[in-house]
Amino acid sequence: MAIVSIPSLMRDLTQGKAEVVIQGSTLRELVENIEAQFPGVKDRLCHEDANGVRISPYIGVYVDGALVEKGMRSPIGELPLRPQLKAVTLRD
């Protein structure tokens, strides 16, 4: 289970919630489970190319404070989702 911090620009999809608790042991499972609970989140987080579904390059995913670099197979814990802007945190 993971605590996912939702940036303010995506809260219209999570009924205004700043954090949600979601099941999943990998980032892929987490994205699928967030989408099942809050339709439309996956479309904002991901894009699809010839290699499959990936996190958008404009979204930074952090697990326990470290930037995820392994993609959708990454194990999860506390997972804030932040646009990749230097020294800017959109978490409330």
C-alpha atoms as a PDB file:
ATOM      1  CA  MET A   1       0.000   0.000   0.000  1.00  0.00           C
ATOM      2  CA  ALA A   2       1.237   3.509  -0.802  1.00  0.00           C
ATOM      3  CA  ILE A   3       0.435   7.049   0.244  1.00  0.00           C
ATOM      4  CA  VAL A   4       0.295   9.081  -2.975  1.00  0.00           C
ATOM      5  CA  SER A   5       0.585  12.868  -2.786  1.00  0.00           C
ATOM      6  CA  ILE A   6      -1.493  14.476  -5.517  1.00  0.00           C
ATOM      7  CA  PRO A   7      -0.391  17.824  -6.990  1.00  0.00           C
ATOM      8  CA  SER A   8      -3.034  20.544  -6.906  1.00  0.00           C
ATOM      9  CA  LEU A   9      -3.381  20.513 -10.721  1.00  0.00           C
ATOM     10  CA  MET A  10      -4.612  16.891 -10.589  1.00  0.00           C
ATOM     11  CA  ARG A  11      -6.942  17.111  -7.593  1.00  0.00           C
ATOM     12  CA  ASP A  12      -9.981  17.692  -9.790  1.00  0.00           C
ATOM     13  CA  LEU A  13      -9.659  13.970 -10.583  1.00  0.00           C
ATOM     14  CA  THR A  14      -9.287  12.859  -6.936  1.00  0.00           C
ATOM     15  CA  GLN A  15     -12.308  14.743  -5.566  1.00  0.00           C
ATOM     16  CA  GLY A  16      -9.994  17.421  -4.152  1.00  0.00           C
ATOM     17  CA  LYS A  17      -7.918  14.965  -2.103  1.00  0.00           C
ATOM     18  CA  ALA A  18      -4.273  15.963  -1.540  1.00  0.00           C
ATOM     19  CA  GLU A  19      -3.298  12.388  -0.612  1.00  0.00           C
ATOM     20  CA  VAL A  20      -4.788   9.024  -1.443  1.00  0.00           C
ATOM     21  CA  VAL A  21      -3.936   5.542  -0.190  1.00  0.00           C
ATOM     22  CA  ILE A  22      -3.600   3.023  -3.020  1.00  0.00           C
ATOM     23  CA  GLN A  23      -2.673  -0.679  -3.193  1.00  0.00           C
ATOM     24  CA  GLY A  24       0.188  -1.838  -5.398  1.00  0.00           C
ATOM     25  CA  SER A  25       3.713  -3.193  -5.148  1.00  0.00           C
ATOM     26  CA  THR A  26       5.063  -1.554  -8.331  1.00  0.00           C
ATOM     27  CA  LEU A  27       4.502   1.802  -9.962  1.00  0.00           C
ATOM     28  CA  ARG A  28       2.581   0.075 -12.788  1.00  0.00           C
ATOM     29  CA  GLU A  29       0.171  -1.566 -10.312  1.00  0.00           C
ATOM     30  CA  LEU A  30      -0.220   1.714  -8.480  1.00  0.00           C
ATOM     31  CA  VAL A  31      -1.094   3.625 -11.659  1.00  0.00           C
ATOM     32  CA  GLU A  32      -3.648   0.972 -12.669  1.00  0.00           C
ATOM     33  CA  ASN A  33      -5.234   1.039  -9.203  1.00  0.00           C
ATOM     34  CA  ILE A  34      -5.333   4.849  -9.062  1.00  0.00           C
ATOM     35  CA  GLU A  35      -7.025   4.818 -12.474  1.00  0.00           C
ATOM     36  CA  ALA A  36      -9.625   2.305 -11.257  1.00  0.00           C
ATOM     37  CA  GLN A  37     -10.485   4.515  -8.284  1.00  0.00           C
ATOM     38  CA  PHE A  38     -10.056   7.921  -9.998  1.00  0.00           C
ATOM     39  CA  PRO A  39     -10.671   7.647 -13.764  1.00  0.00           C
ATOM     40  CA  GLY A  40      -8.591  10.036 -15.858  1.00  0.00           C
ATOM     41  CA  VAL A  41      -5.492  10.074 -13.633  1.00  0.00           C
ATOM     42  CA  LYS A  42      -3.612   7.636 -15.860  1.00  0.00           C
ATOM     43  CA  ASP A  43      -4.183   9.839 -18.922  1.00  0.00           C
ATOM     44  CA  ARG A  44      -2.537  12.763 -17.116  1.00  0.00           C
ATOM     45  CA  LEU A  45       0.334  10.704 -15.692  1.00  0.00           C
ATOM     46  CA  CYS A  46       1.240   8.512 -18.637  1.00  0.00           C
ATOM     47  CA  HIS A  47       1.787   8.448 -22.368  1.00  0.00           C
ATOM     48  CA  GLU A  48       1.991   5.508 -24.733  1.00  0.00           C
ATOM     49  CA  ASP A  49       4.686   4.977 -27.330  1.00  0.00           C
ATOM     50  CA  ALA A  50       6.038   2.045 -29.346  1.00  0.00           C
ATOM     51  CA  ASN A  51       7.520   0.585 -26.139  1.00  0.00           C
ATOM     52  CA  GLY A  52       4.251   0.683 -24.173  1.00  0.00           C
ATOM     53  CA  VAL A  53       2.788   2.868 -21.431  1.00  0.00           C
ATOM     54  CA  ARG A  54       5.258   5.087 -19.569  1.00  0.00           C
ATOM     55  CA  ILE A  55       5.142   7.893 -17.018  1.00  0.00           C
ATOM     56  CA  SER A  56       5.115  11.214 -18.855  1.00  0.00           C
ATOM     57  CA  PRO A  57       8.555  12.862 -19.008  1.00  0.00           C
ATOM     58  CA  TYR A  58       6.944  15.959 -17.451  1.00  0.00           C
ATOM     59  CA  ILE A  59       6.017  14.093 -14.258  1.00  0.00           C
ATOM     60  CA  GLY A  60       8.584  13.396 -11.541  1.00  0.00           C
ATOM     61  CA  VAL A  61       7.840  10.331  -9.406  1.00  0.00           C
ATOM     62  CA  TYR A  62       9.575  10.075  -6.055  1.00  0.00           C
ATOM     63  CA  VAL A  63       9.635   6.980  -3.841  1.00  0.00           C
ATOM     64  CA  ASP A  64      10.655   7.706  -0.272  1.00  0.00           C
ATOM     65  CA  GLY A  65      12.208  10.992  -1.439  1.00  0.00           C
ATOM     66  CA  ALA A  66      14.277   9.511  -4.297  1.00  0.00           C
ATOM     67  CA  LEU A  67      13.498  10.145  -7.978  1.00  0.00           C
ATOM     68  CA  VAL A  68      12.309   6.958  -9.692  1.00  0.00           C
ATOM     69  CA  GLU A  69      14.523   6.021 -12.616  1.00  0.00           C
ATOM     70  CA  LYS A  70      13.457   2.393 -13.183  1.00  0.00           C
ATOM     71  CA  GLY A  71      10.099   3.271 -14.696  1.00  0.00           C
ATOM     72  CA  MET A  72       6.880   1.356 -14.192  1.00  0.00           C
ATOM     73  CA  ARG A  73       8.580  -1.651 -12.527  1.00  0.00           C
ATOM     74  CA  SER A  74       9.812   0.457  -9.608  1.00  0.00           C
ATOM     75  CA  PRO A  75       8.800  -0.697  -6.124  1.00  0.00           C
ATOM     76  CA  ILE A  76       6.728   1.835  -4.204  1.00  0.00           C
ATOM     77  CA  GLY A  77       6.330   3.350  -0.735  1.00  0.00           C
ATOM     78  CA  GLU A  78       5.383   6.993  -0.173  1.00  0.00           C
ATOM     79  CA  LEU A  79       4.975   8.346  -3.679  1.00  0.00           C
ATOM     80  CA  PRO A  80       4.625  12.085  -4.265  1.00  0.00           C
ATOM     81  CA  LEU A  81       3.929  12.963  -7.883  1.00  0.00           C
ATOM     82  CA  ARG A  82       5.470  16.299  -8.837  1.00  0.00           C
ATOM     83  CA  PRO A  83       5.968  18.091 -12.119  1.00  0.00           C
ATOM     84  CA  GLN A  84       9.707  18.237 -12.808  1.00  0.00           C
ATOM     85  CA  LEU A  85      10.445  21.875 -12.011  1.00  0.00           C
ATOM     86  CA  LYS A  86      13.650  22.804 -10.183  1.00  0.00           C
ATOM     87  CA  ALA A  87      13.161  23.721  -6.530  1.00  0.00           C
ATOM     88  CA  VAL A  88       9.375  23.842  -6.836  1.00  0.00           C
ATOM     89  CA  THR A  89       7.174  21.523  -4.801  1.00  0.00           C
ATOM     90  CA  LEU A  90       3.461  21.450  -5.537  1.00  0.00           C
ATOM     91  CA  ARG A  91       2.665  19.390  -2.469  1.00  0.00           C
ATOM     92  CA  ASP A  92       0.568  21.292   0.061  1.00  0.00           C
END
